[in-house]
């Protein structure tokens, strides 16, 4: 199973690799944008990636726009009063193309989710299941669940050691159990500097789908983040997944843009919708 690597370089945290065929600027010290751009270009050239995807404060966005980056989504008041701008630059024309039938499905899913936004609701956990925050002793089961759910994934969530390490650092994982068996999970990746959290890594054992576990996990994570004092919440959801977009719309999240052909997941590179609250 292939995943991208994560590395720190020149005041920035990058995720990159052939699984998503892109360079992702996850975090940046917000110093020397020219140096950052040079580092991005070096990594793109050395690896032949077809897309660069960056998260930058709004006041830096014009610099990157002048260098060929396009705004794809934005989250207001992410850096204090400054918005977070998601920008992309495509290094091959095919990377920017979306097949008409794929675009039609994406548009239909988004319209359906926006329509469902009025039906705000939180389903109850079915009888016979329990939900809790996961601990290091759960990492083997968690990795096994993710291997069962995803063919490929952009982060090494199939590796129990990675899960345990991130659990100690900045990610809280949550799981739903049937007896002692983990059947659904998700994660909350926290950035205390910006008081933000990305809700991600939703996965449900195929035998247990149809129980609204994603919505139940989301509600649990939101309560946990409130206790932790986290301000901004967002997700980057697969545009081809109607259910995930509906889950966040029903929870009151706002759609704020689509990242075109952005993420390698389940064997192909897909576009992603950004939702925030």
C-alpha atoms as a PDB file:
ATOM      1  CA  UNK A   1       0.000   0.000   0.000  1.00  0.00           C
ATOM      2  CA  UNK A   2       1.466   3.303  -1.117  1.00  0.00           C
ATOM      3  CA  UNK A   3       1.406   6.599   0.778  1.00  0.00           C
ATOM      4  CA  UNK A   4       3.230   9.903   0.586  1.00  0.00           C
ATOM      5  CA  UNK A   5       6.028  11.008   2.920  1.00  0.00           C
ATOM      6  CA  UNK A   6       6.090  13.893   5.376  1.00  0.00           C
ATOM      7  CA  UNK A   7       9.156  16.078   5.852  1.00  0.00           C
ATOM      8  CA  UNK A   8      10.223  19.422   7.304  1.00  0.00           C
ATOM      9  CA  UNK A   9      12.285  21.711   5.109  1.00  0.00           C
ATOM     10  CA  UNK A  10      13.143  25.434   5.196  1.00  0.00           C
ATOM     11  CA  UNK A  11      10.563  26.383   7.833  1.00  0.00           C
ATOM     12  CA  UNK A  12       7.768  24.366   6.233  1.00  0.00           C
ATOM     13  CA  UNK A  13       6.068  21.014   6.686  1.00  0.00           C
ATOM     14  CA  UNK A  14       5.445  19.150   3.427  1.00  0.00           C
ATOM     15  CA  UNK A  15       3.643  15.975   2.484  1.00  0.00           C
ATOM     16  CA  UNK A  16       4.572  14.653  -0.938  1.00  0.00           C
ATOM     17  CA  UNK A  17       4.915  11.548  -3.045  1.00  0.00           C
ATOM     18  CA  UNK A  18       3.656   9.668  -6.068  1.00  0.00           C
ATOM     19  CA  UNK A  19       0.555   8.326  -4.293  1.00  0.00           C
ATOM     20  CA  UNK A  20      -1.027  11.756  -4.815  1.00  0.00           C
ATOM     21  CA  UNK A  21       1.569  12.907  -7.386  1.00  0.00           C
ATOM     22  CA  UNK A  22       1.737  16.258  -5.662  1.00  0.00           C
ATOM     23  CA  UNK A  23       3.483  18.439  -3.115  1.00  0.00           C
ATOM     24  CA  UNK A  24       1.298  19.593  -0.203  1.00  0.00           C
ATOM     25  CA  UNK A  25       2.401  22.496   1.979  1.00  0.00           C
ATOM     26  CA  UNK A  26       0.728  21.537   5.261  1.00  0.00           C
ATOM     27  CA  UNK A  27       2.251  24.217   7.477  1.00  0.00           C
ATOM     28  CA  UNK A  28       4.643  27.125   7.102  1.00  0.00           C
ATOM     29  CA  UNK A  29       6.376  29.528   9.511  1.00  0.00           C
ATOM     30  CA  UNK A  30       5.093  32.343   7.248  1.00  0.00           C
ATOM     31  CA  UNK A  31       8.574  33.739   6.684  1.00  0.00           C
ATOM     32  CA  UNK A  32      10.338  34.358   3.363  1.00  0.00           C
ATOM     33  CA  UNK A  33       7.689  33.386   0.793  1.00  0.00           C
ATOM     34  CA  UNK A  34      10.269  33.640  -1.990  1.00  0.00           C
ATOM     35  CA  UNK A  35      12.439  31.019  -0.304  1.00  0.00           C
ATOM     36  CA  UNK A  36       9.366  28.822   0.226  1.00  0.00           C
ATOM     37  CA  UNK A  37       8.473  29.095  -3.453  1.00  0.00           C
ATOM     38  CA  UNK A  38      12.006  28.078  -4.445  1.00  0.00           C
ATOM     39  CA  UNK A  39      11.778  25.032  -2.156  1.00  0.00           C
ATOM     40  CA  UNK A  40       8.424  24.086  -3.682  1.00  0.00           C
ATOM     41  CA  UNK A  41       9.830  24.313  -7.200  1.00  0.00           C
ATOM     42  CA  UNK A  42      12.909  22.281  -6.258  1.00  0.00           C
ATOM     43  CA  UNK A  43      10.783  19.467  -4.855  1.00  0.00           C
ATOM     44  CA  UNK A  44       8.381  19.558  -7.800  1.00  0.00           C
ATOM     45  CA  UNK A  45      11.228  19.431 -10.333  1.00  0.00           C
ATOM     46  CA  UNK A  46      13.179  16.728  -8.503  1.00  0.00           C
ATOM     47  CA  UNK A  47      10.158  14.434  -8.267  1.00  0.00           C
ATOM     48  CA  UNK A  48       8.186  15.353 -11.380  1.00  0.00           C
ATOM     49  CA  UNK A  49       4.953  16.043  -9.481  1.00  0.00           C
ATOM     50  CA  UNK A  50       2.023  17.439 -11.446  1.00  0.00           C
ATOM     51  CA  UNK A  51       0.472  19.584  -8.718  1.00  0.00           C
ATOM     52  CA  UNK A  52       1.516  21.806  -5.817  1.00  0.00           C
ATOM     53  CA  UNK A  53      -1.130  22.381  -3.151  1.00  0.00           C
ATOM     54  CA  UNK A  54      -0.555  24.981  -0.433  1.00  0.00           C
ATOM     55  CA  UNK A  55      -2.295  26.494   2.623  1.00  0.00           C
ATOM     56  CA  UNK A  56      -1.278  30.135   3.183  1.00  0.00           C
ATOM     57  CA  UNK A  57      -2.581  33.207   5.045  1.00  0.00           C
ATOM     58  CA  UNK A  58      -4.667  35.534   2.891  1.00  0.00           C
ATOM     59  CA  UNK A  59      -2.109  38.338   3.011  1.00  0.00           C
ATOM     60  CA  UNK A  60       0.427  36.052   1.282  1.00  0.00           C
ATOM     61  CA  UNK A  61      -2.010  34.765  -1.364  1.00  0.00           C
ATOM     62  CA  UNK A  62      -1.343  37.548  -3.889  1.00  0.00           C
ATOM     63  CA  UNK A  63       2.358  36.635  -4.010  1.00  0.00           C
ATOM     64  CA  UNK A  64       1.569  33.042  -4.900  1.00  0.00           C
ATOM     65  CA  UNK A  65      -1.171  34.111  -7.342  1.00  0.00           C
ATOM     66  CA  UNK A  66       1.431  36.179  -9.185  1.00  0.00           C
ATOM     67  CA  UNK A  67       3.461  32.976  -9.490  1.00  0.00           C
ATOM     68  CA  UNK A  68       0.739  30.860 -11.076  1.00  0.00           C
ATOM     69  CA  UNK A  69      -1.152  29.531  -8.041  1.00  0.00           C
ATOM     70  CA  UNK A  70      -4.950  29.583  -8.128  1.00  0.00           C
ATOM     71  CA  UNK A  71      -7.282  29.876  -5.156  1.00  0.00           C
ATOM     72  CA  UNK A  72      -9.319  26.699  -4.735  1.00  0.00           C
ATOM     73  CA  UNK A  73     -10.887  27.198  -1.278  1.00  0.00           C
ATOM     74  CA  UNK A  74     -10.764  29.498   1.738  1.00  0.00           C
ATOM     75  CA  UNK A  75     -11.556  29.255   5.441  1.00  0.00           C
ATOM     76  CA  UNK A  76     -12.328  32.637   7.058  1.00  0.00           C
ATOM     77  CA  UNK A  77     -10.605  33.776  10.273  1.00  0.00           C
ATOM     78  CA  UNK A  78      -8.240  30.802  10.340  1.00  0.00           C
ATOM     79  CA  UNK A  79      -5.099  32.777  11.220  1.00  0.00           C
ATOM     80  CA  UNK A  80      -6.739  35.085  13.773  1.00  0.00           C
ATOM     81  CA  UNK A  81      -8.589  37.512  11.464  1.00  0.00           C
ATOM     82  CA  UNK A  82      -6.766  36.277   8.357  1.00  0.00           C
ATOM     83  CA  UNK A  83      -8.355  33.680   6.117  1.00  0.00           C
ATOM     84  CA  UNK A  84      -6.585  30.461   5.168  1.00  0.00           C
ATOM     85  CA  UNK A  85      -6.317  30.200   1.389  1.00  0.00           C
ATOM     86  CA  UNK A  86      -5.974  26.788  -0.257  1.00  0.00           C
ATOM     87  CA  UNK A  87      -4.136  27.300  -3.550  1.00  0.00           C
ATOM     88  CA  UNK A  88      -3.083  24.954  -6.313  1.00  0.00           C
ATOM     89  CA  UNK A  89      -0.654  25.104  -9.205  1.00  0.00           C
ATOM     90  CA  UNK A  90      -0.786  22.510 -11.963  1.00  0.00           C
ATOM     91  CA  UNK A  91       2.413  21.436 -13.696  1.00  0.00           C
ATOM     92  CA  UNK A  92       0.759  19.329 -16.397  1.00  0.00           C
ATOM     93  CA  UNK A  93      -2.431  20.294 -18.259  1.00  0.00           C
ATOM     94  CA  UNK A  94      -4.003  16.863 -17.778  1.00  0.00           C
ATOM     95  CA  UNK A  95      -3.840  17.236 -13.991  1.00  0.00           C
ATOM     96  CA  UNK A  96      -6.374  20.058 -14.151  1.00  0.00           C
ATOM     97  CA  UNK A  97      -8.865  18.185 -16.355  1.00  0.00           C
ATOM     98  CA  UNK A  98     -11.945  16.549 -14.858  1.00  0.00           C
ATOM     99  CA  UNK A  99     -13.912  14.132 -17.009  1.00  0.00           C
ATOM    100  CA  UNK A 100     -17.474  15.392 -17.705  1.00  0.00           C
ATOM    101  CA  UNK A 101     -19.114  12.367 -16.042  1.00  0.00           C
ATOM    102  CA  UNK A 102     -16.930  12.830 -12.952  1.00  0.00           C
ATOM    103  CA  UNK A 103     -17.730  16.549 -12.792  1.00  0.00           C
ATOM    104  CA  UNK A 104     -21.431  15.758 -13.128  1.00  0.00           C
ATOM    105  CA  UNK A 105     -21.272  13.383 -10.166  1.00  0.00           C
ATOM    106  CA  UNK A 106     -19.333  15.898  -8.081  1.00  0.00           C
ATOM    107  CA  UNK A 107     -21.833  18.658  -8.873  1.00  0.00           C
ATOM    108  CA  UNK A 108     -24.755  16.385  -8.039  1.00  0.00           C
ATOM    109  CA  UNK A 109     -23.206  15.334  -4.726  1.00  0.00           C
ATOM    110  CA  UNK A 110     -22.519  18.927  -3.710  1.00  0.00           C
ATOM    111  CA  UNK A 111     -26.040  20.063  -4.642  1.00  0.00           C
ATOM    112  CA  UNK A 112     -27.497  17.176  -2.654  1.00  0.00           C
ATOM    113  CA  UNK A 113     -25.348  18.017   0.368  1.00  0.00           C
ATOM    114  CA  UNK A 114     -26.248  21.715   0.255  1.00  0.00           C
ATOM    115  CA  UNK A 115     -29.923  20.782   0.049  1.00  0.00           C
ATOM    116  CA  UNK A 116     -29.570  18.480   3.079  1.00  0.00           C
ATOM    117  CA  UNK A 117     -27.974  21.328   5.069  1.00  0.00           C
ATOM    118  CA  UNK A 118     -31.442  22.290   6.283  1.00  0.00           C
ATOM    119  CA  UNK A 119     -31.884  18.872   7.881  1.00  0.00           C
ATOM    120  CA  UNK A 120     -29.401  19.406  10.682  1.00  0.00           C
ATOM    121  CA  UNK A 121     -29.438  16.326  12.883  1.00  0.00           C
ATOM    122  CA  UNK A 122     -27.211  14.022  14.924  1.00  0.00           C
ATOM    123  CA  UNK A 123     -28.116  10.318  14.856  1.00  0.00           C
ATOM    124  CA  UNK A 124     -27.863   8.231  17.998  1.00  0.00           C
ATOM    125  CA  UNK A 125     -25.364   5.414  18.437  1.00  0.00           C
ATOM    126  CA  UNK A 126     -27.230   2.133  17.831  1.00  0.00           C
ATOM    127  CA  UNK A 127     -27.607  -0.288  20.712  1.00  0.00           C
ATOM    128  CA  UNK A 128     -24.795  -2.792  21.088  1.00  0.00           C
ATOM    129  CA  UNK A 129     -22.023  -0.369  20.078  1.00  0.00           C
ATOM    130  CA  UNK A 130     -19.721   1.848  22.135  1.00  0.00           C
ATOM    131  CA  UNK A 131     -17.771   4.959  21.148  1.00  0.00           C
ATOM    132  CA  UNK A 132     -14.598   6.302  22.742  1.00  0.00           C
ATOM    133  CA  UNK A 133     -11.329   8.093  22.057  1.00  0.00           C
ATOM    134  CA  UNK A 134      -8.684   5.569  21.050  1.00  0.00           C
ATOM    135  CA  UNK A 135      -5.444   4.832  22.895  1.00  0.00           C
ATOM    136  CA  UNK A 136      -2.097   3.383  21.823  1.00  0.00           C
ATOM    137  CA  UNK A 137      -3.317  -0.144  22.493  1.00  0.00           C
ATOM    138  CA  UNK A 138      -5.913   0.306  19.733  1.00  0.00           C
ATOM    139  CA  UNK A 139      -3.415   1.154  16.985  1.00  0.00           C
ATOM    140  CA  UNK A 140      -3.090  -2.397  15.594  1.00  0.00           C
ATOM    141  CA  UNK A 141      -6.860  -2.662  15.189  1.00  0.00           C
ATOM    142  CA  UNK A 142      -7.055   0.865  13.779  1.00  0.00           C
ATOM    143  CA  UNK A 143      -4.414   0.160  11.126  1.00  0.00           C
ATOM    144  CA  UNK A 144      -6.183  -3.085  10.249  1.00  0.00           C
ATOM    145  CA  UNK A 145      -9.510  -1.275   9.844  1.00  0.00           C
ATOM    146  CA  UNK A 146      -7.974   1.311   7.534  1.00  0.00           C
ATOM    147  CA  UNK A 147      -6.289  -1.412   5.448  1.00  0.00           C
ATOM    148  CA  UNK A 148      -9.693  -3.030   5.055  1.00  0.00           C
ATOM    149  CA  UNK A 149     -11.385   0.222   4.018  1.00  0.00           C
ATOM    150  CA  UNK A 150      -8.852   1.980   1.751  1.00  0.00           C
ATOM    151  CA  UNK A 151      -6.879   0.596  -1.173  1.00  0.00           C
ATOM    152  CA  UNK A 152      -4.462   3.543  -0.937  1.00  0.00           C
ATOM    153  CA  UNK A 153      -4.283   6.594   1.319  1.00  0.00           C
ATOM    154  CA  UNK A 154      -2.167   9.785   1.289  1.00  0.00           C
ATOM    155  CA  UNK A 155      -0.946   9.349   4.878  1.00  0.00           C
ATOM    156  CA  UNK A 156       0.577   6.168   6.397  1.00  0.00           C
ATOM    157  CA  UNK A 157      -2.509   5.223   8.410  1.00  0.00           C
ATOM    158  CA  UNK A 158      -1.894   1.531   7.619  1.00  0.00           C
ATOM    159  CA  UNK A 159       1.156   1.653   9.918  1.00  0.00           C
ATOM    160  CA  UNK A 160       0.391   1.189  13.656  1.00  0.00           C
ATOM    161  CA  UNK A 161       3.657   2.957  14.572  1.00  0.00           C
ATOM    162  CA  UNK A 162       2.586   6.073  12.628  1.00  0.00           C
ATOM    163  CA  UNK A 163      -0.816   6.044  14.319  1.00  0.00           C
ATOM    164  CA  UNK A 164       0.735   5.709  17.763  1.00  0.00           C
ATOM    165  CA  UNK A 165       3.285   8.470  17.115  1.00  0.00           C
ATOM    166  CA  UNK A 166       0.683  10.948  15.819  1.00  0.00           C
ATOM    167  CA  UNK A 167      -1.581  10.031  18.723  1.00  0.00           C
ATOM    168  CA  UNK A 168       1.191  11.250  21.042  1.00  0.00           C
ATOM    169  CA  UNK A 169       1.686  14.439  19.032  1.00  0.00           C
ATOM    170  CA  UNK A 170      -1.359  16.208  17.623  1.00  0.00           C
ATOM    171  CA  UNK A 171      -4.017  13.737  16.442  1.00  0.00           C
ATOM    172  CA  UNK A 172      -6.891  12.359  18.494  1.00  0.00           C
ATOM    173  CA  UNK A 173      -8.450   9.189  17.070  1.00  0.00           C
ATOM    174  CA  UNK A 174     -11.977   8.038  17.850  1.00  0.00           C
ATOM    175  CA  UNK A 175     -13.560   4.659  17.313  1.00  0.00           C
ATOM    176  CA  UNK A 176     -16.824   2.750  17.434  1.00  0.00           C
ATOM    177  CA  UNK A 177     -16.688  -0.812  18.709  1.00  0.00           C
ATOM    178  CA  UNK A 178     -18.929  -3.828  18.355  1.00  0.00           C
ATOM    179  CA  UNK A 179     -17.882  -5.759  21.416  1.00  0.00           C
ATOM    180  CA  UNK A 180     -14.096  -5.600  21.326  1.00  0.00           C
ATOM    181  CA  UNK A 181     -13.928  -5.172  17.541  1.00  0.00           C
ATOM    182  CA  UNK A 182     -13.230  -1.725  16.071  1.00  0.00           C
ATOM    183  CA  UNK A 183     -15.729  -1.187  13.238  1.00  0.00           C
ATOM    184  CA  UNK A 184     -15.467   2.561  12.486  1.00  0.00           C
ATOM    185  CA  UNK A 185     -12.970   5.324  13.182  1.00  0.00           C
ATOM    186  CA  UNK A 186     -12.020   8.924  12.473  1.00  0.00           C
ATOM    187  CA  UNK A 187      -9.417  11.445  13.544  1.00  0.00           C
ATOM    188  CA  UNK A 188      -9.061  15.039  14.681  1.00  0.00           C
ATOM    189  CA  UNK A 189      -5.755  16.564  13.545  1.00  0.00           C
ATOM    190  CA  UNK A 190      -5.167  19.580  15.760  1.00  0.00           C
ATOM    191  CA  UNK A 191      -3.021  22.665  15.167  1.00  0.00           C
ATOM    192  CA  UNK A 192      -2.843  24.514  18.462  1.00  0.00           C
ATOM    193  CA  UNK A 193      -0.998  27.473  16.925  1.00  0.00           C
ATOM    194  CA  UNK A 194      -4.020  28.365  14.786  1.00  0.00           C
ATOM    195  CA  UNK A 195      -6.589  26.758  17.131  1.00  0.00           C
ATOM    196  CA  UNK A 196      -7.839  24.662  14.231  1.00  0.00           C
ATOM    197  CA  UNK A 197      -8.642  21.013  13.651  1.00  0.00           C
ATOM    198  CA  UNK A 198      -9.093  18.931  10.529  1.00  0.00           C
ATOM    199  CA  UNK A 199     -11.615  16.128  10.887  1.00  0.00           C
ATOM    200  CA  UNK A 200     -10.426  13.300   8.670  1.00  0.00           C
ATOM    201  CA  UNK A 201      -9.597   9.584   8.291  1.00  0.00           C
ATOM    202  CA  UNK A 202     -13.237   8.466   8.437  1.00  0.00           C
ATOM    203  CA  UNK A 203     -13.481   4.752   7.781  1.00  0.00           C
ATOM    204  CA  UNK A 204     -16.182   2.144   8.443  1.00  0.00           C
ATOM    205  CA  UNK A 205     -15.933  -1.615   8.057  1.00  0.00           C
ATOM    206  CA  UNK A 206     -18.072  -2.399   4.968  1.00  0.00           C
ATOM    207  CA  UNK A 207     -20.104  -4.903   7.014  1.00  0.00           C
ATOM    208  CA  UNK A 208     -21.252  -2.105   9.332  1.00  0.00           C
ATOM    209  CA  UNK A 209     -22.114   0.670   6.878  1.00  0.00           C
ATOM    210  CA  UNK A 210     -25.562   2.247   6.970  1.00  0.00           C
ATOM    211  CA  UNK A 211     -25.450   3.095  10.695  1.00  0.00           C
ATOM    212  CA  UNK A 212     -24.499   6.798  10.286  1.00  0.00           C
ATOM    213  CA  UNK A 213     -21.227   6.131  12.098  1.00  0.00           C
ATOM    214  CA  UNK A 214     -19.461   9.058  10.364  1.00  0.00           C
ATOM    215  CA  UNK A 215     -22.032  11.534  11.696  1.00  0.00           C
ATOM    216  CA  UNK A 216     -21.867   9.985  15.167  1.00  0.00           C
ATOM    217  CA  UNK A 217     -18.064  10.157  15.195  1.00  0.00           C
ATOM    218  CA  UNK A 218     -18.154  13.764  13.988  1.00  0.00           C
ATOM    219  CA  UNK A 219     -20.489  14.788  16.824  1.00  0.00           C
ATOM    220  CA  UNK A 220     -18.199  13.107  19.353  1.00  0.00           C
ATOM    221  CA  UNK A 221     -15.096  14.805  17.934  1.00  0.00           C
ATOM    222  CA  UNK A 222     -16.798  18.210  17.978  1.00  0.00           C
ATOM    223  CA  UNK A 223     -17.600  17.864  21.682  1.00  0.00           C
ATOM    224  CA  UNK A 224     -14.011  16.828  22.368  1.00  0.00           C
ATOM    225  CA  UNK A 225     -12.631  19.825  20.451  1.00  0.00           C
ATOM    226  CA  UNK A 226     -14.944  22.178  22.348  1.00  0.00           C
ATOM    227  CA  UNK A 227     -13.512  20.886  25.615  1.00  0.00           C
ATOM    228  CA  UNK A 228      -9.991  21.399  24.203  1.00  0.00           C
ATOM    229  CA  UNK A 229     -10.832  24.981  23.205  1.00  0.00           C
ATOM    230  CA  UNK A 230     -10.292  24.524  19.451  1.00  0.00           C
ATOM    231  CA  UNK A 231     -11.837  27.369  17.427  1.00  0.00           C
ATOM    232  CA  UNK A 232     -11.884  26.450  13.722  1.00  0.00           C
ATOM    233  CA  UNK A 233     -13.062  23.073  12.419  1.00  0.00           C
ATOM    234  CA  UNK A 234     -12.853  21.846   8.863  1.00  0.00           C
ATOM    235  CA  UNK A 235     -12.639  18.811   6.640  1.00  0.00           C
ATOM    236  CA  UNK A 236     -11.317  17.953   3.194  1.00  0.00           C
ATOM    237  CA  UNK A 237     -13.908  15.462   1.918  1.00  0.00           C
ATOM    238  CA  UNK A 238     -13.930  13.357  -1.236  1.00  0.00           C
ATOM    239  CA  UNK A 239     -16.100  15.177  -3.783  1.00  0.00           C
ATOM    240  CA  UNK A 240     -17.242  11.807  -5.145  1.00  0.00           C
ATOM    241  CA  UNK A 241     -18.554  10.722  -1.733  1.00  0.00           C
ATOM    242  CA  UNK A 242     -22.120  11.964  -1.381  1.00  0.00           C
ATOM    243  CA  UNK A 243     -22.382  10.585   2.150  1.00  0.00           C
ATOM    244  CA  UNK A 244     -19.355  12.426   3.568  1.00  0.00           C
ATOM    245  CA  UNK A 245     -20.422  15.753   2.086  1.00  0.00           C
ATOM    246  CA  UNK A 246     -23.955  15.263   3.402  1.00  0.00           C
ATOM    247  CA  UNK A 247     -22.574  14.367   6.844  1.00  0.00           C
ATOM    248  CA  UNK A 248     -20.774  17.702   7.159  1.00  0.00           C
ATOM    249  CA  UNK A 249     -23.593  19.725   5.585  1.00  0.00           C
ATOM    250  CA  UNK A 250     -26.093  18.286   8.065  1.00  0.00           C
ATOM    251  CA  UNK A 251     -23.706  19.127  10.900  1.00  0.00           C
ATOM    252  CA  UNK A 252     -23.873  22.797   9.890  1.00  0.00           C
ATOM    253  CA  UNK A 253     -20.574  23.109   8.012  1.00  0.00           C
ATOM    254  CA  UNK A 254     -20.121  25.571   5.147  1.00  0.00           C
ATOM    255  CA  UNK A 255     -18.798  24.563   1.723  1.00  0.00           C
ATOM    256  CA  UNK A 256     -15.896  26.816   0.718  1.00  0.00           C
ATOM    257  CA  UNK A 257     -14.303  25.319  -2.406  1.00  0.00           C
ATOM    258  CA  UNK A 258     -13.098  22.284  -4.313  1.00  0.00           C
ATOM    259  CA  UNK A 259      -9.492  21.092  -4.638  1.00  0.00           C
ATOM    260  CA  UNK A 260      -9.247  19.754  -8.182  1.00  0.00           C
ATOM    261  CA  UNK A 261      -7.626  16.321  -8.703  1.00  0.00           C
ATOM    262  CA  UNK A 262      -5.906  16.719  -5.392  1.00  0.00           C
ATOM    263  CA  UNK A 263      -5.615  13.537  -3.349  1.00  0.00           C
ATOM    264  CA  UNK A 264      -4.655   9.930  -4.037  1.00  0.00           C
ATOM    265  CA  UNK A 265      -7.167   7.782  -2.187  1.00  0.00           C
ATOM    266  CA  UNK A 266      -8.541   4.287  -2.788  1.00  0.00           C
ATOM    267  CA  UNK A 267      -6.476   3.807  -5.916  1.00  0.00           C
ATOM    268  CA  UNK A 268      -7.054   7.058  -7.833  1.00  0.00           C
ATOM    269  CA  UNK A 269      -6.515  10.811  -7.575  1.00  0.00           C
ATOM    270  CA  UNK A 270      -9.746  12.547  -6.609  1.00  0.00           C
ATOM    271  CA  UNK A 271     -11.062  16.077  -6.175  1.00  0.00           C
ATOM    272  CA  UNK A 272     -11.883  17.159  -2.625  1.00  0.00           C
ATOM    273  CA  UNK A 273     -14.448  19.535  -1.143  1.00  0.00           C
ATOM    274  CA  UNK A 274     -13.523  21.774   1.791  1.00  0.00           C
ATOM    275  CA  UNK A 275     -16.120  22.383   4.527  1.00  0.00           C
ATOM    276  CA  UNK A 276     -15.615  24.507   7.651  1.00  0.00           C
ATOM    277  CA  UNK A 277     -17.433  25.558  10.816  1.00  0.00           C
END
